[in-house]
Amino acid sequence: MSLEDIIKKVKEELDEKERKREETYLKAREIRRISTKAIREIHKGNYEKAEEYLLNARKLVEEVCNEEYAFLNEAFQEFGEACLTLAFLRDKDIPTPEELKIPAECYVFGLADSAGELRRYILNSIRQNKTEKIEYFLDLMDEIYHCLMLIDYPSSVRRKQDMVRVLLEKTQGDVTLALRQAELEKKLCGIQKK
């Protein structure tokens, strides 16, 4: 076989690898996009629509879960965040990394980001005067934080742990203030009625 023939064969192989990488990249972008839409629907209370989006994203995740491209991590993380947030808000079984078909590291980062979505849910609940479940979700944020603190690596997890701690502390302050204000309003209404 001549050198030219060898290079021709090598080029075909490299072209196929590049085609596969491009195809996987487009799927990763689609997973992120669909997962973001699912989170938006979750916060609107459209859980069935969110589940529909996540079913579509899951199909794509299953197609690329055995690929080893770094750009997939962000997509897997976003998918994990959406699935975990939906499970938390619907009080469903918490999916495992294996069930989601995402790497453990992406699961951990998605879990950390779901704490931010719980904060958003809590703040929306406070604004809508729906305070009956906010302490439950605040406790869940606390549990997420303490579970994350059990993980020492990868080194980038430290930044996520710090982020969740800050979110938790801010949310605790916001919830305390909102509950105290609601208590005060009740007392004032009682005084005005007398």
N, C-alpha and C. Protein backbone atom coordinates (compact mmCIF):
# COMPACT_ATOMS: atom_id res chain seq x y z
N MET A 1 0.86 -1.18 0.00
CA MET A 1 0.00 0.00 0.00
C MET A 1 0.90 1.24 0.00
N SER A 2 0.59 2.17 -0.87
CA SER A 2 1.41 3.38 -0.95
C SER A 2 1.06 4.33 0.19
N LEU A 3 1.97 5.25 0.43
CA LEU A 3 1.74 6.25 1.48
C LEU A 3 0.49 7.05 1.19
N GLU A 4 0.28 7.36 -0.06
CA GLU A 4 -0.92 8.11 -0.45
C GLU A 4 -2.20 7.33 -0.12
N ASP A 5 -2.19 6.03 -0.36
CA ASP A 5 -3.35 5.19 -0.03
C ASP A 5 -3.58 5.13 1.48
N ILE A 6 -2.48 5.03 2.21
CA ILE A 6 -2.58 5.00 3.68
C ILE A 6 -3.19 6.30 4.18
N ILE A 7 -2.69 7.42 3.68
CA ILE A 7 -3.20 8.73 4.11
C ILE A 7 -4.66 8.90 3.71
N LYS A 8 -5.02 8.40 2.56
CA LYS A 8 -6.41 8.46 2.11
C LYS A 8 -7.31 7.73 3.11
N LYS A 9 -6.87 6.57 3.53
CA LYS A 9 -7.63 5.77 4.50
C LYS A 9 -7.69 6.49 5.86
N VAL A 10 -6.57 7.04 6.28
CA VAL A 10 -6.51 7.79 7.55
C VAL A 10 -7.46 8.98 7.48
N LYS A 11 -7.46 9.69 6.36
CA LYS A 11 -8.34 10.85 6.20
C LYS A 11 -9.81 10.44 6.29
N GLU A 12 -10.16 9.32 5.68
CA GLU A 12 -11.54 8.83 5.76
C GLU A 12 -11.93 8.56 7.21
N GLU A 13 -11.02 7.95 7.94
CA GLU A 13 -11.27 7.66 9.36
C GLU A 13 -11.43 8.95 10.16
N LEU A 14 -10.56 9.91 9.90
CA LEU A 14 -10.63 11.20 10.61
C LEU A 14 -11.90 11.96 10.24
N ASP A 15 -12.28 11.91 8.97
CA ASP A 15 -13.52 12.55 8.53
C ASP A 15 -14.72 11.95 9.25
N GLU A 16 -14.73 10.63 9.39
CA GLU A 16 -15.84 9.96 10.08
C GLU A 16 -15.88 10.36 11.56
N LYS A 17 -14.70 10.45 12.19
CA LYS A 17 -14.65 10.89 13.59
C LYS A 17 -15.18 12.31 13.73
N GLU A 18 -14.81 13.17 12.80
CA GLU A 18 -15.26 14.57 12.85
C GLU A 18 -16.76 14.65 12.62
N ARG A 19 -17.28 13.85 11.70
CA ARG A 19 -18.72 13.82 11.46
C ARG A 19 -19.46 13.38 12.72
N LYS A 20 -18.94 12.36 13.38
CA LYS A 20 -19.55 11.84 14.61
C LYS A 20 -19.50 12.91 15.72
N ARG A 21 -18.36 13.61 15.81
CA ARG A 21 -18.22 14.66 16.82
C ARG A 21 -19.22 15.78 16.58
N GLU A 22 -19.36 16.20 15.33
CA GLU A 22 -20.31 17.27 14.98
C GLU A 22 -21.75 16.84 15.29
N GLU A 23 -22.08 15.62 14.94
CA GLU A 23 -23.42 15.09 15.20
C GLU A 23 -23.70 15.07 16.72
N THR A 24 -22.71 14.64 17.48
CA THR A 24 -22.85 14.59 18.94
C THR A 24 -22.97 15.99 19.52
N TYR A 25 -22.19 16.93 18.97
CA TYR A 25 -22.25 18.32 19.44
C TYR A 25 -23.65 18.90 19.24
N LEU A 26 -24.24 18.65 18.09
CA LEU A 26 -25.59 19.16 17.83
C LEU A 26 -26.60 18.53 18.79
N LYS A 27 -26.44 17.27 19.10
CA LYS A 27 -27.33 16.61 20.06
C LYS A 27 -27.14 17.20 21.46
N ALA A 28 -25.90 17.50 21.82
CA ALA A 28 -25.63 18.11 23.13
C ALA A 28 -26.32 19.47 23.24
N ARG A 29 -26.23 20.26 22.19
CA ARG A 29 -26.91 21.57 22.18
C ARG A 29 -28.41 21.39 22.33
N GLU A 30 -28.96 20.39 21.67
CA GLU A 30 -30.40 20.13 21.73
C GLU A 30 -30.81 19.66 23.13
N ILE A 31 -29.99 18.84 23.75
CA ILE A 31 -30.27 18.40 25.13
C ILE A 31 -30.34 19.61 26.05
N ARG A 32 -29.36 20.51 25.94
CA ARG A 32 -29.35 21.72 26.78
C ARG A 32 -30.58 22.57 26.52
N ARG A 33 -30.91 22.77 25.25
CA ARG A 33 -32.05 23.61 24.89
C ARG A 33 -33.35 23.02 25.42
N ILE A 34 -33.56 21.74 25.23
CA ILE A 34 -34.79 21.09 25.69
C ILE A 34 -34.85 21.10 27.22
N SER A 35 -33.74 20.84 27.87
CA SER A 35 -33.71 20.82 29.34
C SER A 35 -34.02 22.20 29.91
N THR A 36 -33.52 23.25 29.26
CA THR A 36 -33.83 24.62 29.68
C THR A 36 -35.32 24.90 29.53
N LYS A 37 -35.90 24.45 28.42
CA LYS A 37 -37.35 24.62 28.23
C LYS A 37 -38.12 23.87 29.32
N ALA A 38 -37.66 22.69 29.67
CA ALA A 38 -38.33 21.90 30.72
C ALA A 38 -38.31 22.65 32.04
N ILE A 39 -37.18 23.25 32.38
CA ILE A 39 -37.09 24.01 33.64
C ILE A 39 -38.06 25.19 33.61
N ARG A 40 -38.15 25.85 32.47
CA ARG A 40 -39.09 26.97 32.34
C ARG A 40 -40.52 26.49 32.59
N GLU A 41 -40.88 25.35 32.01
CA GLU A 41 -42.23 24.80 32.20
C GLU A 41 -42.46 24.36 33.64
N ILE A 42 -41.43 23.84 34.27
CA ILE A 42 -41.55 23.45 35.69
C ILE A 42 -41.95 24.65 36.52
N HIS A 43 -41.30 25.78 36.30
CA HIS A 43 -41.58 26.98 37.10
C HIS A 43 -42.94 27.60 36.76
N LYS A 44 -43.48 27.27 35.60
CA LYS A 44 -44.84 27.71 35.26
C LYS A 44 -45.87 26.77 35.86
N GLY A 45 -45.42 25.63 36.40
CA GLY A 45 -46.33 24.64 36.95
C GLY A 45 -46.85 23.68 35.90
N ASN A 46 -46.29 23.72 34.69
CA ASN A 46 -46.69 22.83 33.60
C ASN A 46 -45.83 21.56 33.64
N TYR A 47 -46.06 20.74 34.66
CA TYR A 47 -45.22 19.57 34.88
C TYR A 47 -45.32 18.53 33.76
N GLU A 48 -46.51 18.35 33.20
CA GLU A 48 -46.66 17.37 32.12
C GLU A 48 -45.86 17.80 30.89
N LYS A 49 -45.90 19.09 30.58
CA LYS A 49 -45.14 19.60 29.44
C LYS A 49 -43.64 19.44 29.71
N ALA A 50 -43.23 19.70 30.95
CA ALA A 50 -41.82 19.53 31.32
C ALA A 50 -41.41 18.07 31.15
N GLU A 51 -42.27 17.15 31.58
CA GLU A 51 -41.97 15.72 31.43
C GLU A 51 -41.84 15.33 29.96
N GLU A 52 -42.69 15.92 29.14
CA GLU A 52 -42.63 15.66 27.69
C GLU A 52 -41.28 16.11 27.13
N TYR A 53 -40.86 17.32 27.51
CA TYR A 53 -39.56 17.81 27.06
C TYR A 53 -38.44 16.87 27.52
N LEU A 54 -38.52 16.46 28.79
CA LEU A 54 -37.45 15.62 29.33
C LEU A 54 -37.43 14.23 28.71
N LEU A 55 -38.57 13.74 28.28
CA LEU A 55 -38.58 12.46 27.55
C LEU A 55 -37.82 12.60 26.23
N ASN A 56 -38.02 13.72 25.56
CA ASN A 56 -37.29 13.98 24.30
C ASN A 56 -35.79 14.13 24.56
N ALA A 57 -35.46 14.85 25.62
CA ALA A 57 -34.04 15.02 25.97
C ALA A 57 -33.42 13.67 26.35
N ARG A 58 -34.18 12.85 27.08
CA ARG A 58 -33.67 11.53 27.50
C ARG A 58 -33.30 10.67 26.28
N LYS A 59 -34.11 10.74 25.23
CA LYS A 59 -33.81 9.97 24.02
C LYS A 59 -32.46 10.38 23.45
N LEU A 60 -32.21 11.68 23.44
CA LEU A 60 -30.92 12.18 22.93
C LEU A 60 -29.78 11.78 23.86
N VAL A 61 -30.02 11.87 25.17
CA VAL A 61 -28.99 11.47 26.15
C VAL A 61 -28.61 10.01 25.92
N GLU A 62 -29.61 9.17 25.71
CA GLU A 62 -29.34 7.75 25.48
C GLU A 62 -28.52 7.52 24.20
N GLU A 63 -28.71 8.39 23.22
CA GLU A 63 -27.95 8.26 21.97
C GLU A 63 -26.48 8.62 22.13
N VAL A 64 -26.18 9.51 23.08
CA VAL A 64 -24.80 10.02 23.20
C VAL A 64 -24.13 9.65 24.52
N CYS A 65 -24.81 8.91 25.39
CA CYS A 65 -24.28 8.68 26.74
C CYS A 65 -22.96 7.91 26.76
N ASN A 66 -22.63 7.21 25.70
CA ASN A 66 -21.36 6.46 25.67
C ASN A 66 -20.24 7.23 24.98
N GLU A 67 -20.54 8.42 24.52
CA GLU A 67 -19.52 9.25 23.87
C GLU A 67 -18.68 9.95 24.94
N GLU A 68 -17.46 10.30 24.58
CA GLU A 68 -16.53 10.87 25.56
C GLU A 68 -16.06 12.28 25.15
N TYR A 69 -16.98 13.15 24.85
CA TYR A 69 -16.62 14.52 24.49
C TYR A 69 -16.88 15.43 25.68
N ALA A 70 -15.96 16.33 25.96
CA ALA A 70 -16.10 17.23 27.11
C ALA A 70 -17.34 18.11 26.98
N PHE A 71 -17.70 18.49 25.76
CA PHE A 71 -18.86 19.38 25.60
C PHE A 71 -20.17 18.72 26.01
N LEU A 72 -20.19 17.41 26.16
CA LEU A 72 -21.41 16.73 26.62
C LEU A 72 -21.70 16.99 28.10
N ASN A 73 -20.66 17.29 28.86
CA ASN A 73 -20.83 17.46 30.31
C ASN A 73 -21.86 18.53 30.65
N GLU A 74 -21.79 19.65 29.96
CA GLU A 74 -22.74 20.73 30.22
C GLU A 74 -24.18 20.30 29.90
N ALA A 75 -24.34 19.56 28.83
CA ALA A 75 -25.67 19.08 28.45
C ALA A 75 -26.19 18.08 29.47
N PHE A 76 -25.33 17.15 29.89
CA PHE A 76 -25.73 16.16 30.90
C PHE A 76 -26.08 16.85 32.22
N GLN A 77 -25.30 17.85 32.57
CA GLN A 77 -25.54 18.60 33.81
C GLN A 77 -26.90 19.30 33.76
N GLU A 78 -27.21 19.95 32.66
CA GLU A 78 -28.48 20.65 32.51
C GLU A 78 -29.65 19.67 32.54
N PHE A 79 -29.48 18.53 31.89
CA PHE A 79 -30.50 17.49 31.89
C PHE A 79 -30.72 16.97 33.31
N GLY A 80 -29.63 16.70 34.01
CA GLY A 80 -29.73 16.24 35.40
C GLY A 80 -30.43 17.25 36.28
N GLU A 81 -30.07 18.51 36.12
CA GLU A 81 -30.71 19.59 36.89
C GLU A 81 -32.21 19.60 36.66
N ALA A 82 -32.63 19.52 35.41
CA ALA A 82 -34.07 19.56 35.10
C ALA A 82 -34.79 18.35 35.68
N CYS A 83 -34.21 17.16 35.51
CA CYS A 83 -34.85 15.94 36.03
C CYS A 83 -34.94 15.96 37.55
N LEU A 84 -33.88 16.40 38.20
CA LEU A 84 -33.88 16.45 39.67
C LEU A 84 -34.87 17.49 40.18
N THR A 85 -34.89 18.66 39.55
CA THR A 85 -35.82 19.71 39.97
C THR A 85 -37.26 19.23 39.84
N LEU A 86 -37.58 18.60 38.74
CA LEU A 86 -38.94 18.08 38.55
C LEU A 86 -39.27 17.04 39.61
N ALA A 87 -38.35 16.14 39.88
CA ALA A 87 -38.59 15.11 40.91
C ALA A 87 -38.81 15.75 42.28
N PHE A 88 -38.02 16.75 42.62
CA PHE A 88 -38.16 17.41 43.92
C PHE A 88 -39.51 18.12 44.04
N LEU A 89 -39.87 18.87 43.02
CA LEU A 89 -41.10 19.67 43.11
C LEU A 89 -42.35 18.82 43.01
N ARG A 90 -42.25 17.66 42.37
CA ARG A 90 -43.41 16.76 42.27
C ARG A 90 -43.40 15.69 43.35
N ASP A 91 -42.39 15.74 44.23
CA ASP A 91 -42.24 14.78 45.33
C ASP A 91 -42.21 13.35 44.80
N LYS A 92 -41.41 13.15 43.76
CA LYS A 92 -41.24 11.83 43.13
C LYS A 92 -39.92 11.22 43.60
N ASP A 93 -39.71 9.96 43.25
CA ASP A 93 -38.43 9.32 43.56
C ASP A 93 -37.31 10.09 42.88
N ILE A 94 -36.21 10.24 43.60
CA ILE A 94 -35.07 10.98 43.06
C ILE A 94 -34.31 10.06 42.10
N PRO A 95 -34.17 10.47 40.84
CA PRO A 95 -33.46 9.61 39.88
C PRO A 95 -31.97 9.53 40.18
N THR A 96 -31.38 8.40 39.89
CA THR A 96 -29.95 8.20 40.08
C THR A 96 -29.20 8.58 38.80
N PRO A 97 -27.87 8.75 38.91
CA PRO A 97 -27.10 9.01 37.69
C PRO A 97 -27.27 7.89 36.66
N GLU A 98 -27.34 6.65 37.14
CA GLU A 98 -27.49 5.51 36.24
C GLU A 98 -28.83 5.56 35.51
N GLU A 99 -29.88 5.91 36.23
CA GLU A 99 -31.20 6.01 35.61
C GLU A 99 -31.24 7.11 34.56
N LEU A 100 -30.54 8.20 34.84
CA LEU A 100 -30.50 9.32 33.89
C LEU A 100 -29.48 9.10 32.77
N LYS A 101 -28.60 8.11 32.97
CA LYS A 101 -27.54 7.79 32.00
C LYS A 101 -26.56 8.95 31.82
N ILE A 102 -26.23 9.59 32.95
CA ILE A 102 -25.25 10.67 32.92
C ILE A 102 -24.12 10.35 33.89
N PRO A 103 -22.92 10.89 33.64
CA PRO A 103 -21.79 10.64 34.53
C PRO A 103 -22.03 11.21 35.93
N ALA A 104 -21.40 10.60 36.92
CA ALA A 104 -21.58 11.01 38.32
C ALA A 104 -21.24 12.49 38.52
N GLU A 105 -20.17 12.95 37.91
CA GLU A 105 -19.76 14.35 38.06
C GLU A 105 -20.85 15.30 37.54
N CYS A 106 -21.42 14.99 36.41
CA CYS A 106 -22.49 15.82 35.84
C CYS A 106 -23.72 15.79 36.73
N TYR A 107 -23.99 14.65 37.32
CA TYR A 107 -25.12 14.51 38.25
C TYR A 107 -24.92 15.42 39.46
N VAL A 108 -23.72 15.40 40.02
CA VAL A 108 -23.42 16.24 41.19
C VAL A 108 -23.60 17.71 40.86
N PHE A 109 -23.09 18.14 39.70
CA PHE A 109 -23.23 19.54 39.31
C PHE A 109 -24.69 19.89 39.02
N GLY A 110 -25.43 18.98 38.42
CA GLY A 110 -26.86 19.19 38.19
C GLY A 110 -27.62 19.29 39.49
N LEU A 111 -27.24 18.46 40.47
CA LEU A 111 -27.86 18.51 41.80
C LEU A 111 -27.61 19.87 42.44
N ALA A 112 -26.38 20.35 42.35
CA ALA A 112 -26.05 21.66 42.92
C ALA A 112 -26.89 22.75 42.25
N ASP A 113 -27.01 22.69 40.95
CA ASP A 113 -27.80 23.70 40.24
C ASP A 113 -29.28 23.60 40.55
N SER A 114 -29.75 22.41 40.88
CA SER A 114 -31.17 22.26 41.23
C SER A 114 -31.50 23.02 42.52
N ALA A 115 -30.50 23.23 43.37
CA ALA A 115 -30.73 24.04 44.58
C ALA A 115 -31.12 25.46 44.18
N GLY A 116 -30.52 25.98 43.13
CA GLY A 116 -30.89 27.31 42.63
C GLY A 116 -32.31 27.34 42.12
N GLU A 117 -32.74 26.25 41.49
CA GLU A 117 -34.13 26.17 41.01
C GLU A 117 -35.10 26.07 42.19
N LEU A 118 -34.69 25.40 43.26
CA LEU A 118 -35.54 25.34 44.46
C LEU A 118 -35.65 26.73 45.08
N ARG A 119 -34.55 27.48 45.09
CA ARG A 119 -34.61 28.86 45.60
C ARG A 119 -35.60 29.67 44.78
N ARG A 120 -35.52 29.55 43.48
CA ARG A 120 -36.43 30.27 42.58
C ARG A 120 -37.88 29.90 42.89
N TYR A 121 -38.15 28.61 43.10
CA TYR A 121 -39.49 28.14 43.43
C TYR A 121 -39.95 28.75 44.77
N ILE A 122 -39.07 28.76 45.75
CA ILE A 122 -39.39 29.31 47.06
C ILE A 122 -39.73 30.79 46.94
N LEU A 123 -38.92 31.55 46.22
CA LEU A 123 -39.17 32.99 46.08
C LEU A 123 -40.48 33.24 45.34
N ASN A 124 -40.75 32.45 44.30
CA ASN A 124 -42.04 32.59 43.60
C ASN A 124 -43.20 32.27 44.53
N SER A 125 -43.05 31.26 45.36
CA SER A 125 -44.10 30.89 46.32
C SER A 125 -44.34 32.01 47.32
N ILE A 126 -43.28 32.63 47.78
CA ILE A 126 -43.41 33.76 48.72
C ILE A 126 -44.17 34.90 48.05
N ARG A 127 -43.80 35.23 46.82
CA ARG A 127 -44.47 36.31 46.10
C ARG A 127 -45.95 36.03 45.90
N GLN A 128 -46.31 34.75 45.75
CA GLN A 128 -47.70 34.37 45.52
C GLN A 128 -48.43 34.04 46.83
N ASN A 129 -47.78 34.31 47.96
CA ASN A 129 -48.34 34.01 49.29
C ASN A 129 -48.70 32.54 49.46
N LYS A 130 -47.94 31.66 48.85
CA LYS A 130 -48.12 30.21 48.99
C LYS A 130 -46.97 29.68 49.84
N THR A 131 -47.06 29.90 51.13
CA THR A 131 -45.93 29.62 52.01
C THR A 131 -45.97 28.25 52.68
N GLU A 132 -47.01 27.45 52.41
CA GLU A 132 -47.16 26.18 53.13
C GLU A 132 -46.03 25.18 52.89
N LYS A 133 -45.39 25.19 51.72
CA LYS A 133 -44.36 24.19 51.42
C LYS A 133 -42.94 24.76 51.38
N ILE A 134 -42.80 26.05 51.67
CA ILE A 134 -41.46 26.63 51.49
C ILE A 134 -40.45 26.08 52.49
N GLU A 135 -40.89 25.79 53.70
CA GLU A 135 -39.93 25.24 54.68
C GLU A 135 -39.48 23.84 54.26
N TYR A 136 -40.37 23.07 53.67
CA TYR A 136 -40.00 21.74 53.16
C TYR A 136 -38.90 21.88 52.10
N PHE A 137 -39.08 22.81 51.17
CA PHE A 137 -38.09 22.98 50.11
C PHE A 137 -36.81 23.61 50.62
N LEU A 138 -36.91 24.44 51.64
CA LEU A 138 -35.72 24.99 52.28
C LEU A 138 -34.93 23.86 52.94
N ASP A 139 -35.62 22.95 53.61
CA ASP A 139 -34.95 21.79 54.21
C ASP A 139 -34.31 20.92 53.13
N LEU A 140 -34.96 20.81 52.00
CA LEU A 140 -34.41 20.04 50.89
C LEU A 140 -33.13 20.69 50.36
N MET A 141 -33.13 22.01 50.25
CA MET A 141 -31.91 22.72 49.85
C MET A 141 -30.79 22.44 50.85
N ASP A 142 -31.13 22.44 52.13
CA ASP A 142 -30.15 22.15 53.18
C ASP A 142 -29.60 20.73 53.02
N GLU A 143 -30.48 19.78 52.73
CA GLU A 143 -30.05 18.40 52.53
C GLU A 143 -29.13 18.29 51.32
N ILE A 144 -29.47 18.99 50.24
CA ILE A 144 -28.61 18.99 49.05
C ILE A 144 -27.23 19.50 49.42
N TYR A 145 -27.19 20.60 50.16
CA TYR A 145 -25.90 21.18 50.56
C TYR A 145 -25.08 20.18 51.36
N HIS A 146 -25.70 19.56 52.35
CA HIS A 146 -24.96 18.63 53.21
C HIS A 146 -24.52 17.39 52.43
N CYS A 147 -25.31 16.93 51.49
CA CYS A 147 -24.89 15.80 50.65
C CYS A 147 -23.72 16.20 49.75
N LEU A 148 -23.76 17.41 49.21
CA LEU A 148 -22.66 17.87 48.36
C LEU A 148 -21.36 17.99 49.16
N MET A 149 -21.47 18.31 50.44
CA MET A 149 -20.27 18.47 51.26
C MET A 149 -19.57 17.13 51.52
N LEU A 150 -20.24 16.03 51.21
CA LEU A 150 -19.62 14.71 51.36
C LEU A 150 -18.68 14.39 50.20
N ILE A 151 -18.71 15.23 49.18
CA ILE A 151 -17.92 14.98 47.96
C ILE A 151 -16.69 15.88 47.97
N ASP A 152 -15.52 15.26 47.79
CA ASP A 152 -14.26 16.00 47.84
C ASP A 152 -13.69 16.31 46.46
N TYR A 153 -14.10 15.62 45.46
CA TYR A 153 -13.54 15.79 44.12
C TYR A 153 -14.62 15.54 43.10
N PRO A 154 -14.53 16.05 41.93
CA PRO A 154 -13.39 16.78 41.38
C PRO A 154 -13.20 18.14 42.06
N SER A 155 -12.07 18.74 41.83
CA SER A 155 -11.76 20.00 42.51
C SER A 155 -12.79 21.09 42.20
N SER A 156 -13.40 21.03 41.04
CA SER A 156 -14.39 22.05 40.65
C SER A 156 -15.68 21.95 41.46
N VAL A 157 -15.87 20.87 42.21
CA VAL A 157 -17.08 20.74 43.02
C VAL A 157 -17.09 21.76 44.16
N ARG A 158 -15.91 22.20 44.57
CA ARG A 158 -15.82 23.16 45.69
C ARG A 158 -16.57 24.45 45.36
N ARG A 159 -16.44 24.92 44.14
CA ARG A 159 -17.14 26.14 43.72
C ARG A 159 -18.65 25.95 43.80
N LYS A 160 -19.12 24.78 43.38
CA LYS A 160 -20.57 24.49 43.45
C LYS A 160 -21.03 24.40 44.90
N GLN A 161 -20.22 23.80 45.76
CA GLN A 161 -20.58 23.71 47.18
C GLN A 161 -20.72 25.11 47.77
N ASP A 162 -19.78 25.98 47.45
CA ASP A 162 -19.84 27.36 47.94
C ASP A 162 -21.07 28.08 47.42
N MET A 163 -21.39 27.86 46.14
CA MET A 163 -22.56 28.49 45.54
C MET A 163 -23.84 28.05 46.26
N VAL A 164 -23.96 26.75 46.52
CA VAL A 164 -25.16 26.24 47.19
C VAL A 164 -25.24 26.78 48.62
N ARG A 165 -24.10 26.88 49.31
CA ARG A 165 -24.10 27.43 50.67
C ARG A 165 -24.61 28.87 50.67
N VAL A 166 -24.13 29.68 49.75
CA VAL A 166 -24.57 31.07 49.65
C VAL A 166 -26.06 31.14 49.34
N LEU A 167 -26.51 30.34 48.38
CA LEU A 167 -27.94 30.31 48.03
C LEU A 167 -28.79 29.89 49.23
N LEU A 168 -28.32 28.89 49.95
CA LEU A 168 -29.05 28.40 51.12
C LEU A 168 -29.16 29.49 52.18
N GLU A 169 -28.06 30.15 52.48
CA GLU A 169 -28.08 31.21 53.50
C GLU A 169 -28.98 32.36 53.08
N LYS A 170 -28.90 32.78 51.83
CA LYS A 170 -29.77 33.86 51.35
C LYS A 170 -31.24 33.45 51.43
N THR A 171 -31.52 32.22 51.03
CA THR A 171 -32.91 31.73 51.02
C THR A 171 -33.43 31.61 52.45
N GLN A 172 -32.60 31.14 53.36
CA GLN A 172 -33.02 31.07 54.77
C GLN A 172 -33.40 32.45 55.28
N GLY A 173 -32.60 33.45 54.94
CA GLY A 173 -32.91 34.82 55.34
C GLY A 173 -34.20 35.31 54.71
N ASP A 174 -34.39 35.05 53.43
CA ASP A 174 -35.61 35.48 52.73
C ASP A 174 -36.85 34.81 53.31
N VAL A 175 -36.75 33.51 53.59
CA VAL A 175 -37.89 32.77 54.14
C VAL A 175 -38.23 33.27 55.54
N THR A 176 -37.21 33.45 56.36
CA THR A 176 -37.44 33.95 57.72
C THR A 176 -38.13 35.30 57.68
N LEU A 177 -37.64 36.18 56.84
CA LEU A 177 -38.23 37.52 56.71
C LEU A 177 -39.68 37.42 56.23
N ALA A 178 -39.94 36.59 55.23
CA ALA A 178 -41.30 36.46 54.69
C ALA A 178 -42.26 35.88 55.72
N LEU A 179 -41.82 34.87 56.46
CA LEU A 179 -42.69 34.26 57.46
C LEU A 179 -42.98 35.21 58.61
N ARG A 180 -41.97 35.95 59.03
CA ARG A 180 -42.16 36.94 60.10
C ARG A 180 -43.11 38.05 59.64
N GLN A 181 -42.94 38.47 58.40
CA GLN A 181 -43.81 39.51 57.86
C GLN A 181 -45.25 39.02 57.78
N ALA A 182 -45.45 37.78 57.36
CA ALA A 182 -46.80 37.20 57.29
C ALA A 182 -47.43 37.13 58.68
N GLU A 183 -46.62 36.74 59.67
CA GLU A 183 -47.08 36.69 61.06
C GLU A 183 -47.52 38.07 61.53
N LEU A 184 -46.69 39.06 61.24
CA LEU A 184 -46.99 40.43 61.64
C LEU A 184 -48.26 40.93 60.97
N GLU A 185 -48.43 40.63 59.69
CA GLU A 185 -49.65 41.03 58.98
C GLU A 185 -50.89 40.41 59.60
N LYS A 186 -50.80 39.14 59.99
CA LYS A 186 -51.93 38.48 60.66
C LYS A 186 -52.28 39.18 61.96
N LYS A 187 -51.26 39.51 62.72
CA LYS A 187 -51.48 40.18 64.01
C LYS A 187 -52.10 41.56 63.79
N LEU A 188 -51.62 42.27 62.78
CA LEU A 188 -52.16 43.59 62.49
C LEU A 188 -53.62 43.50 62.05
N CYS A 189 -53.94 42.49 61.25
CA CYS A 189 -55.34 42.28 60.83
C CYS A 189 -56.21 41.99 62.05
N GLY A 190 -55.69 41.21 62.98
CA GLY A 190 -56.43 40.88 64.20
C GLY A 190 -56.68 42.12 65.04
N ILE A 191 -55.70 43.00 65.13
CA ILE A 191 -55.84 44.24 65.90
C ILE A 191 -56.86 45.15 65.23
N GLN A 192 -56.81 45.26 63.90
CA GLN A 192 -57.74 46.13 63.17
C GLN A 192 -59.17 45.65 63.31
N LYS A 193 -59.39 44.34 63.41
CA LYS A 193 -60.75 43.80 63.53
C LYS A 193 -61.34 44.08 64.90
N LYS A 194 -60.50 44.26 65.91
CA LYS A 194 -60.99 44.51 67.27
C LYS A 194 -61.45 45.91 67.39
